[in-house]
């Protein structure tokens, strides 16, 4: 082990305890158990996005309006979680893994595309019934719409949240190229090297925020192909930073990173407080905050929070997110995310309709009811479409040879 390694890299390698639930609905064999608290965090991220699209009445206090309007920050959290969970489960995957690599890609397609296509088919039929042209449908079928500089194609048509599925597919595609590099850094430089990777990824985000702020691109209309919204929010390339940070967090955990329960509790509370305060303030207090809100400003608190949740399962917030209700909702979070916008349009409760509601308590109750319907429909879509379709696809491909868990852990920590 290199002399430059910190005390973190000297910890004995072992996965966090108390992680006994298998991955939900995925028949791909995993060498490690699910981190329940992180599954529960997915529920919070999905709910934040849902509330962002519903909105709150104009009578709501400004901090509450800002908090709800900032709900889109759940999306970069999803990308970081995606990198963490994939690296946690597939740290030994490479481009030369043969059948394991093939099944990994099939499993990723089975994970996201069947429900995505079902929702898209519904929206295509809806357009056809109203005589609306099917513009660039092929891009949406292939999940490549976010690469377009045209806002109407990239995010404004069919199912707007679908742009992030394009990003996920890109991140899945490059994962087998990235994970051997992160593992190599872990082997050669220990925890210090992984922290360095996280710092470099964050520095890239800061550089992009500074560049787009200085050039004024961050403040262009979302429909402008040069806008910060296009390049910092919905384009797949900048999302590599959050994905790589998530992967590095997973390797830190595989090296045995732990936190004392009391310390983890304070760290978790601090991170949540920072996120809530920043979101309640909104991005209007400084020019750089608008582009930073697309992701960079959340990177550090999100990364520290996820690490603290996974490294201390007995801490108060870890136990909260690992409750049965939140784990269930987190497991269905993808379905909630994918179905809520079509449902809101069907109900006539997109953001703006709620704002126009009369004053009083009734509009707030309406927000709760509509959000509950979104969660309910998402849970149904998860159980009735997403999981059965995933299992059907995975049954069609041969299973890879079993992974030797101890060997995998040794390779990561050597």
Protein backbone atom coordinates (compact mmCIF):
# COMPACT_ATOMS: atom_id res chain seq x y z
CA UNK A 1 0.00 0.00 0.00
CA UNK A 2 1.47 3.38 -0.95
CA UNK A 3 2.88 5.52 1.83
CA UNK A 4 0.68 8.44 0.75
CA UNK A 5 -2.45 6.50 1.70
CA UNK A 6 -4.36 8.02 4.56
CA UNK A 7 -5.80 6.22 7.56
CA UNK A 8 -8.92 5.66 5.49
CA UNK A 9 -7.06 3.29 3.16
CA UNK A 10 -5.75 1.21 6.07
CA UNK A 11 -9.19 0.17 7.18
CA UNK A 12 -9.92 -3.52 6.81
CA UNK A 13 -12.07 -4.16 3.73
CA UNK A 14 -15.57 -5.22 4.57
CA UNK A 15 -18.99 -4.10 3.37
CA UNK A 16 -21.24 -2.15 5.74
CA UNK A 17 -23.27 -4.38 8.00
CA UNK A 18 -27.03 -4.71 8.10
CA UNK A 19 -27.47 -4.64 4.31
CA UNK A 20 -29.38 -7.84 3.79
CA UNK A 21 -32.08 -7.07 1.24
CA UNK A 22 -31.44 -8.26 -2.34
CA UNK A 23 -31.75 -5.91 -5.29
CA UNK A 24 -35.45 -5.54 -6.04
CA UNK A 25 -36.77 -7.11 -9.21
CA UNK A 26 -33.32 -7.67 -10.78
CA UNK A 27 -32.34 -11.27 -11.45
CA UNK A 28 -28.75 -10.35 -12.23
CA UNK A 29 -26.65 -11.90 -9.44
CA UNK A 30 -25.00 -9.27 -7.25
CA UNK A 31 -21.89 -10.01 -5.19
CA UNK A 32 -23.01 -7.52 -2.53
CA UNK A 33 -26.22 -6.67 -0.72
CA UNK A 34 -28.38 -3.65 -1.27
CA UNK A 35 -27.70 -0.49 0.75
CA UNK A 36 -31.22 0.12 1.97
CA UNK A 37 -30.73 3.73 3.05
CA UNK A 38 -29.67 4.68 -0.47
CA UNK A 39 -32.78 3.04 -1.90
CA UNK A 40 -34.84 5.16 0.49
CA UNK A 41 -33.02 8.30 -0.69
CA UNK A 42 -34.32 7.58 -4.19
CA UNK A 43 -37.84 8.02 -2.84
CA UNK A 44 -36.99 11.50 -1.55
CA UNK A 45 -35.37 12.43 -4.87
CA UNK A 46 -38.37 11.24 -6.88
CA UNK A 47 -40.81 13.06 -4.60
CA UNK A 48 -38.79 16.28 -4.97
CA UNK A 49 -39.08 16.06 -8.77
CA UNK A 50 -42.81 15.31 -8.57
CA UNK A 51 -43.45 18.32 -6.32
CA UNK A 52 -41.32 20.48 -8.63
CA UNK A 53 -43.66 19.65 -11.50
CA UNK A 54 -46.82 20.11 -9.43
CA UNK A 55 -45.81 23.38 -7.79
CA UNK A 56 -47.38 25.07 -4.78
CA UNK A 57 -49.98 27.83 -4.54
CA UNK A 58 -48.88 31.45 -4.93
CA UNK A 59 -49.92 32.04 -1.32
CA UNK A 60 -47.10 29.79 -0.10
CA UNK A 61 -44.17 31.53 1.65
CA UNK A 62 -41.28 32.34 -0.67
CA UNK A 63 -38.86 29.85 0.96
CA UNK A 64 -41.39 27.05 0.40
CA UNK A 65 -41.92 28.09 -3.22
CA UNK A 66 -38.18 28.16 -3.78
CA UNK A 67 -37.78 24.79 -2.11
CA UNK A 68 -40.38 23.18 -4.36
CA UNK A 69 -39.11 24.93 -7.49
CA UNK A 70 -35.66 23.52 -6.72
CA UNK A 71 -37.02 19.98 -6.74
CA UNK A 72 -35.21 19.23 -10.00
CA UNK A 73 -32.05 18.78 -7.91
CA UNK A 74 -33.32 15.24 -7.39
CA UNK A 75 -32.08 14.47 -10.92
CA UNK A 76 -28.34 15.02 -10.29
CA UNK A 77 -28.78 13.05 -7.06
CA UNK A 78 -30.11 10.15 -9.16
CA UNK A 79 -27.01 10.26 -11.37
CA UNK A 80 -24.68 10.16 -8.36
CA UNK A 81 -26.66 7.31 -6.86
CA UNK A 82 -26.52 5.46 -10.16
CA UNK A 83 -22.73 5.60 -10.22
CA UNK A 84 -22.50 4.51 -6.58
CA UNK A 85 -24.88 1.56 -6.90
CA UNK A 86 -23.38 0.29 -10.17
CA UNK A 87 -19.82 0.47 -8.82
CA UNK A 88 -20.94 -1.19 -5.58
CA UNK A 89 -22.36 -4.14 -7.51
CA UNK A 90 -20.06 -4.37 -10.54
CA UNK A 91 -16.61 -3.21 -9.40
CA UNK A 92 -14.90 -6.06 -11.30
CA UNK A 93 -16.66 -5.45 -14.62
CA UNK A 94 -14.46 -4.53 -17.60
CA UNK A 95 -14.82 -4.32 -21.38
CA UNK A 96 -13.20 -7.78 -21.54
CA UNK A 97 -15.70 -9.42 -19.19
CA UNK A 98 -17.34 -11.36 -22.01
CA UNK A 99 -20.74 -12.75 -21.10
CA UNK A 100 -20.85 -10.71 -17.88
CA UNK A 101 -20.49 -7.51 -19.88
CA UNK A 102 -23.17 -8.58 -22.33
CA UNK A 103 -25.58 -9.45 -19.52
CA UNK A 104 -24.78 -6.18 -17.73
CA UNK A 105 -25.91 -4.21 -20.76
CA UNK A 106 -28.98 -6.37 -21.22
CA UNK A 107 -29.83 -5.87 -17.54
CA UNK A 108 -29.49 -2.10 -17.88
CA UNK A 109 -31.79 -2.05 -20.91
CA UNK A 110 -34.24 -4.31 -19.09
CA UNK A 111 -34.07 -1.94 -16.12
CA UNK A 112 -35.06 1.27 -17.87
CA UNK A 113 -36.44 0.73 -21.36
CA UNK A 114 -39.61 -1.42 -21.16
CA UNK A 115 -41.54 1.01 -18.96
CA UNK A 116 -40.02 3.94 -20.86
CA UNK A 117 -41.39 2.49 -24.12
CA UNK A 118 -44.80 1.75 -22.61
CA UNK A 119 -45.18 5.36 -21.45
CA UNK A 120 -43.91 6.61 -24.81
CA UNK A 121 -46.41 4.40 -26.65
CA UNK A 122 -49.22 5.91 -24.58
CA UNK A 123 -48.04 9.43 -25.45
CA UNK A 124 -47.71 8.54 -29.16
CA UNK A 125 -51.30 7.26 -29.16
CA UNK A 126 -52.43 10.41 -27.34
CA UNK A 127 -50.74 12.60 -29.96
CA UNK A 128 -52.25 10.58 -32.78
CA UNK A 129 -55.72 10.93 -31.27
CA UNK A 130 -55.33 14.73 -31.22
CA UNK A 131 -53.69 14.98 -34.63
CA UNK A 132 -50.34 16.16 -33.22
CA UNK A 133 -47.33 15.36 -35.44
CA UNK A 134 -44.92 12.71 -34.18
CA UNK A 135 -41.78 14.88 -34.39
CA UNK A 136 -38.42 13.09 -34.02
CA UNK A 137 -40.11 10.02 -32.57
CA UNK A 138 -37.14 7.85 -33.58
CA UNK A 139 -34.86 9.81 -31.24
CA UNK A 140 -37.17 9.13 -28.33
CA UNK A 141 -37.53 5.45 -29.24
CA UNK A 142 -33.75 5.09 -29.14
CA UNK A 143 -33.40 7.27 -26.04
CA UNK A 144 -30.98 9.73 -27.66
CA UNK A 145 -33.13 12.87 -27.58
CA UNK A 146 -31.03 14.73 -24.99
CA UNK A 147 -28.11 14.96 -27.43
CA UNK A 148 -30.17 17.32 -29.57
CA UNK A 149 -29.69 21.06 -29.19
CA UNK A 150 -33.38 21.57 -29.96
CA UNK A 151 -35.22 21.98 -26.66
CA UNK A 152 -38.48 20.71 -28.18
CA UNK A 153 -36.75 17.47 -29.08
CA UNK A 154 -34.46 17.18 -26.09
CA UNK A 155 -36.98 17.84 -23.34
CA UNK A 156 -40.08 19.69 -24.48
CA UNK A 157 -41.95 16.91 -26.30
CA UNK A 158 -43.49 13.57 -25.37
CA UNK A 159 -42.41 12.78 -21.80
CA UNK A 160 -40.13 15.62 -20.56
CA UNK A 161 -38.39 13.54 -17.84
CA UNK A 162 -37.33 11.13 -20.59
CA UNK A 163 -34.24 13.27 -21.29
CA UNK A 164 -32.59 11.84 -18.17
CA UNK A 165 -33.09 8.30 -19.50
CA UNK A 166 -30.88 9.33 -22.42
CA UNK A 167 -28.25 10.41 -19.89
CA UNK A 168 -28.56 7.14 -17.97
CA UNK A 169 -28.09 5.09 -21.14
CA UNK A 170 -24.92 7.03 -21.88
CA UNK A 171 -23.63 6.51 -18.34
CA UNK A 172 -24.42 2.79 -18.54
CA UNK A 173 -22.53 2.58 -21.84
CA UNK A 174 -19.32 4.11 -20.45
CA UNK A 175 -19.43 2.41 -17.04
CA UNK A 176 -17.31 -0.62 -18.07
CA UNK A 177 -14.69 1.81 -19.40
CA UNK A 178 -14.64 3.95 -16.26
CA UNK A 179 -14.83 1.42 -13.43
CA UNK A 180 -11.44 -0.25 -14.16
CA UNK A 181 -9.82 3.20 -13.97
CA UNK A 182 -11.46 3.99 -10.62
CA UNK A 183 -10.49 0.56 -9.28
CA UNK A 184 -6.91 1.08 -10.46
CA UNK A 185 -6.78 4.43 -8.63
CA UNK A 186 -8.10 2.70 -5.51
CA UNK A 187 -5.47 -0.06 -5.74
CA UNK A 188 -2.52 2.23 -6.38
CA UNK A 189 -3.34 5.33 -4.35
CA UNK A 190 -5.89 4.13 -1.81
CA UNK A 191 -8.57 6.36 -0.36
CA UNK A 192 -6.46 9.45 -1.05
CA UNK A 193 -6.61 8.70 -4.76
CA UNK A 194 -10.38 8.28 -4.68
CA UNK A 195 -10.77 11.60 -2.87
CA UNK A 196 -8.57 13.09 -5.57
CA UNK A 197 -10.87 11.74 -8.30
CA UNK A 198 -13.85 13.28 -6.52
CA UNK A 199 -12.00 16.61 -6.23
CA UNK A 200 -11.13 16.62 -9.95
CA UNK A 201 -14.73 15.82 -10.95
CA UNK A 202 -16.00 18.62 -8.72
CA UNK A 203 -13.37 21.01 -10.13
CA UNK A 204 -14.68 20.30 -13.64
CA UNK A 205 -18.16 21.30 -12.49
CA UNK A 206 -16.87 24.50 -10.90
CA UNK A 207 -14.93 25.37 -14.06
CA UNK A 208 -18.02 24.92 -16.22
CA UNK A 209 -20.12 27.07 -13.88
CA UNK A 210 -17.46 29.81 -13.97
CA UNK A 211 -17.17 29.60 -17.76
CA UNK A 212 -20.90 29.72 -18.45
CA UNK A 213 -21.34 32.55 -15.95
CA UNK A 214 -18.52 34.63 -17.41
CA UNK A 215 -19.67 34.11 -21.02
CA UNK A 216 -23.33 34.69 -20.18
CA UNK A 217 -24.41 31.36 -21.65
CA UNK A 218 -25.97 30.30 -18.36
CA UNK A 219 -28.64 32.98 -18.70
CA UNK A 220 -29.76 32.25 -22.26
CA UNK A 221 -33.24 30.88 -22.88
CA UNK A 222 -33.59 27.15 -22.33
CA UNK A 223 -34.49 26.93 -26.04
CA UNK A 224 -31.12 28.36 -27.08
CA UNK A 225 -28.72 25.57 -28.18
CA UNK A 226 -25.87 27.37 -26.35
CA UNK A 227 -27.73 27.76 -23.06
CA UNK A 228 -26.51 26.58 -19.70
CA UNK A 229 -29.70 24.56 -19.38
CA UNK A 230 -28.76 22.56 -22.47
CA UNK A 231 -25.07 22.05 -21.64
CA UNK A 232 -25.02 21.95 -17.85
CA UNK A 233 -28.35 20.30 -17.11
CA UNK A 234 -29.69 18.04 -19.83
CA UNK A 235 -26.60 17.15 -21.89
CA UNK A 236 -25.14 13.75 -20.92
CA UNK A 237 -21.46 14.76 -20.91
CA UNK A 238 -21.42 17.07 -17.83
CA UNK A 239 -23.28 14.39 -15.87
CA UNK A 240 -20.16 12.25 -15.97
CA UNK A 241 -18.89 14.25 -12.99
CA UNK A 242 -21.72 13.15 -10.69
CA UNK A 243 -21.53 9.60 -12.02
CA UNK A 244 -17.76 9.34 -11.42
CA UNK A 245 -18.16 10.82 -7.94
CA UNK A 246 -20.78 8.19 -7.13
CA UNK A 247 -18.45 5.44 -8.38
CA UNK A 248 -15.61 6.78 -6.23
CA UNK A 249 -17.88 6.80 -3.18
CA UNK A 250 -18.65 3.13 -3.78
CA UNK A 251 -14.95 2.28 -3.91
CA UNK A 252 -14.40 4.17 -0.65
CA UNK A 253 -17.10 2.02 0.92
CA UNK A 254 -15.54 -1.13 -0.50
CA UNK A 255 -12.27 -0.11 1.11
CA UNK A 256 -14.10 -0.27 4.42
CA UNK A 257 -14.81 3.39 5.09
CA UNK A 258 -16.82 3.72 8.31
CA UNK A 259 -18.16 6.50 10.48
CA UNK A 260 -19.13 6.39 14.13
CA UNK A 261 -22.88 6.51 14.52
CA UNK A 262 -22.92 9.82 16.41
CA UNK A 263 -20.54 11.49 13.95
CA UNK A 264 -22.53 10.16 11.01
CA UNK A 265 -25.75 11.51 12.52
CA UNK A 266 -24.33 15.02 12.76
CA UNK A 267 -22.85 14.82 9.27
CA UNK A 268 -26.15 13.65 7.81
CA UNK A 269 -28.08 16.40 9.59
CA UNK A 270 -25.59 19.00 8.40
CA UNK A 271 -25.81 17.91 4.77
CA UNK A 272 -29.61 17.88 4.77
CA UNK A 273 -29.66 21.33 6.39
CA UNK A 274 -27.28 22.75 3.77
CA UNK A 275 -29.38 21.36 0.92
CA UNK A 276 -32.68 22.60 2.34
CA UNK A 277 -31.33 26.07 3.13
CA UNK A 278 -29.77 26.54 -0.30
CA UNK A 279 -32.90 25.27 -2.03
CA UNK A 280 -35.13 27.56 0.07
CA UNK A 281 -32.96 30.56 -0.78
CA UNK A 282 -33.20 29.84 -4.50
CA UNK A 283 -30.65 30.64 -7.24
CA UNK A 284 -31.32 34.39 -7.48
CA UNK A 285 -28.84 35.66 -4.88
CA UNK A 286 -25.79 35.61 -7.17
CA UNK A 287 -25.18 35.21 -10.91
CA UNK A 288 -23.18 32.03 -10.51
CA UNK A 289 -25.93 30.33 -8.50
CA UNK A 290 -28.21 29.75 -11.50
CA UNK A 291 -25.76 27.48 -13.38
CA UNK A 292 -24.53 26.02 -10.09
CA UNK A 293 -28.08 24.93 -9.24
CA UNK A 294 -27.98 22.59 -12.23
CA UNK A 295 -25.64 20.36 -10.24
CA UNK A 296 -22.36 21.78 -8.95
CA UNK A 297 -23.71 23.42 -5.80
CA UNK A 298 -25.19 20.11 -4.63
CA UNK A 299 -22.22 17.87 -5.37
CA UNK A 300 -20.40 18.14 -2.04
CA UNK A 301 -23.43 17.89 0.30
CA UNK A 302 -24.91 15.05 -1.76
CA UNK A 303 -21.63 13.12 -1.87
CA UNK A 304 -21.00 13.50 1.86
CA UNK A 305 -24.60 12.61 2.65
CA UNK A 306 -24.57 9.42 0.57
CA UNK A 307 -21.25 8.35 2.06
CA UNK A 308 -22.48 9.00 5.60
CA UNK A 309 -25.73 7.13 4.97
CA UNK A 310 -23.97 4.06 3.61
CA UNK A 311 -21.06 4.08 6.07
CA UNK A 312 -23.23 4.19 9.20
CA UNK A 313 -26.40 2.09 8.80
CA UNK A 314 -27.25 2.62 12.49
CA UNK A 315 -27.30 6.43 12.29
CA UNK A 316 -30.69 8.09 12.67
CA UNK A 317 -31.14 9.24 9.07
CA UNK A 318 -29.80 5.97 7.68
CA UNK A 319 -32.41 4.09 9.70
CA UNK A 320 -35.11 6.54 8.55
CA UNK A 321 -34.33 6.05 4.88
CA UNK A 322 -34.09 2.29 5.40
CA UNK A 323 -37.68 2.06 6.67
CA UNK A 324 -39.98 -0.25 4.76
CA UNK A 325 -42.13 2.56 3.35
CA UNK A 326 -39.25 4.57 1.94
CA UNK A 327 -37.44 1.50 0.59
CA UNK A 328 -40.66 0.45 -1.16
CA UNK A 329 -41.14 3.92 -2.64
CA UNK A 330 -37.46 4.11 -3.52
CA UNK A 331 -37.66 0.81 -5.35
CA UNK A 332 -40.54 2.24 -7.40
CA UNK A 333 -38.92 5.67 -7.80
CA UNK A 334 -38.02 5.14 -11.45
CA UNK A 335 -41.62 4.30 -12.30
CA UNK A 336 -42.84 7.31 -10.30
CA UNK A 337 -40.37 9.54 -12.12
CA UNK A 338 -41.37 8.24 -15.55
CA UNK A 339 -45.15 8.24 -15.15
CA UNK A 340 -45.86 11.38 -13.14
CA UNK A 341 -45.72 13.98 -15.92
CA UNK A 342 -48.23 12.18 -18.20
CA UNK A 343 -50.45 11.69 -15.15
CA UNK A 344 -50.24 15.37 -14.19
CA UNK A 345 -51.15 16.37 -17.73
CA UNK A 346 -54.09 13.96 -17.67
CA UNK A 347 -55.28 15.45 -14.37
CA UNK A 348 -54.67 19.01 -15.55
CA UNK A 349 -52.39 19.57 -12.54
CA UNK A 350 -49.11 20.59 -14.12
CA UNK A 351 -47.19 23.39 -12.43
CA UNK A 352 -49.13 26.64 -12.96
CA UNK A 353 -52.56 25.13 -12.44
CA UNK A 354 -51.83 24.75 -8.73
CA UNK A 355 -50.40 28.26 -8.53
CA UNK A 356 -53.67 29.63 -9.89
CA UNK A 357 -55.78 27.88 -7.26
CA UNK A 358 -57.56 30.07 -4.70
CA UNK A 359 -56.04 30.92 -1.34
CA UNK A 360 -56.69 28.78 1.73
CA UNK A 361 -55.78 25.28 2.78
CA UNK A 362 -57.58 23.48 -0.09
CA UNK A 363 -54.81 23.96 -2.71
CA UNK A 364 -52.23 22.54 -0.30
CA UNK A 365 -54.42 19.51 0.28
CA UNK A 366 -54.69 19.22 -3.49
CA UNK A 367 -50.90 19.11 -3.80
CA UNK A 368 -50.78 16.28 -1.26
CA UNK A 369 -53.54 14.34 -3.03
CA UNK A 370 -52.01 14.74 -6.49
CA UNK A 371 -48.54 13.80 -5.22
CA UNK A 372 -50.07 10.74 -3.55
CA UNK A 373 -51.72 9.73 -6.82
CA UNK A 374 -48.37 10.04 -8.59
CA UNK A 375 -46.75 7.74 -6.02
CA UNK A 376 -49.63 5.27 -6.26
CA UNK A 377 -49.61 5.11 -10.06
CA UNK A 378 -45.84 4.83 -10.05
CA UNK A 379 -45.95 1.93 -7.59
CA UNK A 380 -48.53 0.20 -9.78
CA UNK A 381 -46.45 0.72 -12.93
CA UNK A 382 -43.42 -0.65 -11.12
CA UNK A 383 -45.17 -3.81 -9.96
CA UNK A 384 -47.29 -4.48 -13.05
CA UNK A 385 -44.99 -3.37 -15.89
CA UNK A 386 -41.43 -2.57 -14.84
CA UNK A 387 -40.56 -5.66 -12.77
CA UNK A 388 -42.34 -8.30 -14.94
CA UNK A 389 -40.83 -6.86 -18.13
CA UNK A 390 -37.35 -6.79 -16.60
CA UNK A 391 -37.61 -10.39 -15.46
CA UNK A 392 -38.90 -11.48 -18.87
CA UNK A 393 -35.98 -9.86 -20.69
CA UNK A 394 -33.40 -11.28 -18.28
CA UNK A 395 -34.81 -14.79 -18.68
CA UNK A 396 -34.03 -14.59 -22.39
CA UNK A 397 -30.26 -14.28 -21.89
CA UNK A 398 -27.95 -16.88 -20.31
CA UNK A 399 -26.74 -16.25 -16.80
CA UNK A 400 -23.08 -15.30 -16.37
CA UNK A 401 -20.72 -17.38 -14.21
CA UNK A 402 -20.92 -16.52 -10.51
CA UNK A 403 -18.68 -13.77 -9.17
CA UNK A 404 -16.27 -14.75 -6.39
CA UNK A 405 -17.05 -12.06 -3.85
CA UNK A 406 -13.88 -12.37 -1.75
CA UNK A 407 -11.68 -12.15 -4.81
CA UNK A 408 -13.56 -9.09 -6.00
CA UNK A 409 -13.09 -7.38 -2.65
CA UNK A 410 -9.39 -8.27 -2.61
CA UNK A 411 -8.87 -6.83 -6.10
CA UNK A 412 -10.47 -3.57 -5.05
CA UNK A 413 -8.44 -3.23 -1.86
CA UNK A 414 -5.07 -4.60 -2.98
